[in-house]
Amino acid sequence: MLTYLIIVLTLTVPNEAEFKAENVSIKVNIQSNIFLYEVTNLGSSPINGFEVKHHAAYNFIAPEGWQKEITANTFRSWTDDPEMYILANNTAEFSMRVSSRGAVLAKLPVKIRLSSEKTIVVPDVWSPSPEPRYYIILIAGIILFLFLLHSFILIYKSRKKIKPSNAAL
């Protein structure tokens, strides 16, 4: 019974999700700091391009025979060789490593290009994104609140001890 429970728990891990759009499926698996994108062609037109936004990523890997272009915030990969296309019901993997330098998990669009020159946008796919600016303000506000709360408690306790007693009068 315990073994069965452990197997069930490992099969439903929260570090993997699948995102689907018109004739394409993208399964994202996150292990430690590695984002793995498994792109599956569900249609008849071959896939020859992949593009995803990123933040603080490095070590980009594309399928063999695919070219890649990395900019400050985009990982783009493509092939012009029809033998390397992702054909119907086939899968290819793309991956990148993400540093801990201000990256958070976000839902961003992924662009898939078909050999017919059509582009499919898969919305809300897991991707590393920069931390929102309000995080800094939120953390500073929480620290300030804790400091004020601590000061209030100390002042309240010290005034309680100093209360004049009626016996001294």
Protein backbone atom coordinates (compact mmCIF):
# COMPACT_ATOMS: atom_id res chain seq x y z
CA MET A 1 0.00 0.00 0.00
CA LEU A 2 2.79 2.45 0.93
CA THR A 3 4.73 1.59 -2.24
CA TYR A 4 1.63 2.28 -4.34
CA LEU A 5 1.18 5.65 -2.63
CA ILE A 6 4.80 6.62 -3.29
CA ILE A 7 4.46 5.67 -6.95
CA VAL A 8 1.27 7.74 -7.30
CA LEU A 9 2.92 10.74 -5.63
CA THR A 10 5.93 10.60 -7.95
CA LEU A 11 3.69 10.44 -11.02
CA THR A 12 1.85 13.63 -10.08
CA VAL A 13 4.78 15.94 -9.47
CA PRO A 14 4.10 19.68 -9.62
CA ASN A 15 7.21 20.46 -11.67
CA GLU A 16 5.65 19.42 -14.98
CA ALA A 17 2.80 20.87 -17.02
CA GLU A 18 1.44 20.50 -20.51
CA PHE A 19 0.21 23.39 -22.64
CA LYS A 20 -1.73 22.92 -25.88
CA ALA A 21 -2.72 25.14 -28.74
CA GLU A 22 -3.72 24.61 -32.33
CA ASN A 23 -1.91 21.40 -33.47
CA VAL A 24 0.95 21.66 -30.96
CA SER A 25 1.62 20.48 -27.43
CA ILE A 26 4.39 21.77 -25.17
CA LYS A 27 5.27 19.83 -22.05
CA VAL A 28 7.44 21.81 -19.65
CA ASN A 29 9.46 19.93 -17.06
CA ILE A 30 11.44 21.88 -14.46
CA GLN A 31 14.19 20.03 -12.61
CA SER A 32 16.22 22.20 -10.26
CA ASN A 33 17.21 25.07 -12.55
CA ILE A 34 16.72 23.31 -15.91
CA PHE A 35 13.67 24.10 -18.05
CA LEU A 36 12.97 21.31 -20.56
CA TYR A 37 10.44 21.99 -23.33
CA GLU A 38 9.10 18.91 -25.16
CA VAL A 39 7.40 20.16 -28.32
CA THR A 40 5.02 17.67 -29.98
CA ASN A 41 3.54 18.24 -33.42
CA LEU A 42 -0.16 17.30 -33.32
CA GLY A 43 -0.88 18.55 -36.85
CA SER A 44 0.14 17.68 -40.38
CA SER A 45 2.34 20.71 -41.13
CA PRO A 46 5.95 20.18 -39.91
CA ILE A 47 7.39 22.43 -37.19
CA ASN A 48 10.63 24.25 -38.03
CA GLY A 49 10.83 27.02 -35.40
CA PHE A 50 10.63 27.52 -31.62
CA GLU A 51 10.82 30.75 -29.61
CA VAL A 52 10.48 31.37 -25.87
CA LYS A 53 11.16 34.39 -23.63
CA HIS A 54 13.56 33.93 -20.71
CA HIS A 55 15.41 35.74 -17.95
CA ALA A 56 18.87 34.99 -16.55
CA ALA A 57 19.19 31.80 -18.60
CA TYR A 58 22.23 30.12 -20.13
CA ASN A 59 23.30 26.77 -21.65
CA PHE A 60 20.61 26.72 -24.33
CA ILE A 61 20.16 23.36 -26.08
CA ALA A 62 18.27 22.75 -29.32
CA PRO A 63 17.76 19.52 -31.28
CA GLU A 64 20.62 18.36 -33.45
CA GLY A 65 20.59 20.14 -36.79
CA TRP A 66 18.74 23.18 -35.45
CA GLN A 67 20.26 26.65 -35.30
CA LYS A 68 19.80 28.88 -32.29
CA GLU A 69 19.86 32.57 -31.55
CA ILE A 70 19.97 33.86 -28.01
CA THR A 71 19.29 37.48 -27.11
CA ALA A 72 19.02 39.13 -23.71
CA ASN A 73 15.48 37.81 -23.23
CA THR A 74 14.66 35.40 -26.07
CA PHE A 75 15.73 31.86 -27.00
CA ARG A 76 14.97 31.23 -30.65
CA SER A 77 15.74 28.04 -32.56
CA TRP A 78 14.96 26.98 -36.14
CA THR A 79 15.97 24.70 -38.95
CA ASP A 80 15.89 25.11 -42.72
CA ASP A 81 16.60 21.42 -43.31
CA PRO A 82 13.32 19.54 -44.00
CA GLU A 83 14.90 16.33 -42.65
CA MET A 84 15.21 17.99 -39.21
CA TYR A 85 11.64 19.32 -39.03
CA ILE A 86 9.37 18.06 -36.25
CA LEU A 87 6.96 15.94 -38.27
CA ALA A 88 3.40 14.95 -37.35
CA ASN A 89 3.20 13.06 -34.02
CA ASN A 90 6.93 13.56 -33.35
CA THR A 91 8.57 15.36 -30.45
CA ALA A 92 11.72 17.46 -30.07
CA GLU A 93 13.34 18.85 -26.93
CA PHE A 94 14.64 22.33 -26.18
CA SER A 95 16.18 23.30 -22.86
CA MET A 96 17.91 26.03 -20.92
CA ARG A 97 19.45 26.46 -17.50
CA VAL A 98 18.32 29.37 -15.35
CA SER A 99 20.45 31.16 -12.76
CA SER A 100 18.93 32.34 -9.50
CA ARG A 101 19.66 35.96 -10.38
CA GLY A 102 16.18 37.40 -9.95
CA ALA A 103 14.29 34.86 -12.05
CA VAL A 104 10.80 33.73 -11.07
CA LEU A 105 8.38 31.30 -12.69
CA ALA A 106 5.94 33.05 -15.01
CA LYS A 107 3.47 32.23 -17.76
CA LEU A 108 4.69 33.59 -21.08
CA PRO A 109 3.77 32.89 -24.72
CA VAL A 110 5.82 30.46 -26.83
CA LYS A 111 5.91 30.84 -30.60
CA ILE A 112 5.99 27.77 -32.84
CA ARG A 113 6.71 28.25 -36.53
CA LEU A 114 5.41 25.78 -39.09
CA SER A 115 7.02 25.02 -42.45
CA SER A 116 3.95 26.63 -44.04
CA GLU A 117 5.23 29.94 -42.54
CA LYS A 118 2.29 30.00 -40.12
CA THR A 119 3.12 30.90 -36.49
CA ILE A 120 1.25 29.32 -33.59
CA VAL A 121 1.33 31.13 -30.26
CA VAL A 122 0.91 28.91 -27.22
CA PRO A 123 -0.12 31.24 -24.38
CA ASP A 124 0.79 30.97 -20.70
CA VAL A 125 3.67 28.46 -20.92
CA TRP A 126 5.97 28.22 -17.88
CA SER A 127 9.12 30.26 -18.38
CA PRO A 128 11.67 32.14 -16.27
CA SER A 129 10.86 35.83 -15.98
CA PRO A 130 12.38 38.78 -14.09
CA GLU A 131 11.11 39.42 -10.59
CA PRO A 132 8.48 42.15 -10.57
CA ARG A 133 9.74 45.48 -9.18
CA TYR A 134 7.03 45.53 -6.54
CA TYR A 135 8.69 42.53 -4.81
CA ILE A 136 11.41 44.85 -3.51
CA ILE A 137 8.83 47.33 -2.19
CA LEU A 138 6.80 44.50 -0.66
CA ILE A 139 9.82 43.02 1.13
CA ALA A 140 10.93 46.46 2.38
CA GLY A 141 7.38 47.10 3.62
CA ILE A 142 7.26 43.80 5.49
CA ILE A 143 10.62 44.47 7.15
CA LEU A 144 9.48 47.96 8.16
CA PHE A 145 6.21 46.56 9.54
CA LEU A 146 8.08 43.94 11.60
CA PHE A 147 10.47 46.59 12.93
CA LEU A 148 7.59 48.85 13.98
CA LEU A 149 5.69 45.94 15.55
CA HIS A 150 8.79 44.88 17.50
CA SER A 151 9.37 48.47 18.68
CA PHE A 152 5.74 48.80 19.76
CA ILE A 153 5.94 45.58 21.79
CA LEU A 154 9.18 46.68 23.51
CA ILE A 155 7.76 50.13 24.35
CA TYR A 156 4.53 48.60 25.65
CA LYS A 157 6.40 46.14 27.91
CA SER A 158 8.78 48.80 29.25
CA ARG A 159 5.89 51.18 30.12
CA LYS A 160 4.05 48.39 31.87
CA LYS A 161 7.04 47.81 34.19
CA ILE A 162 7.46 51.54 35.02
CA LYS A 163 3.83 52.14 36.08
CA PRO A 164 3.84 54.04 39.42
CA SER A 165 2.37 52.11 42.31
CA ASN A 166 -0.10 53.60 44.82
CA ALA A 167 2.07 52.39 47.75
CA ALA A 168 4.73 55.01 47.06
CA LEU A 169 2.24 57.88 47.53
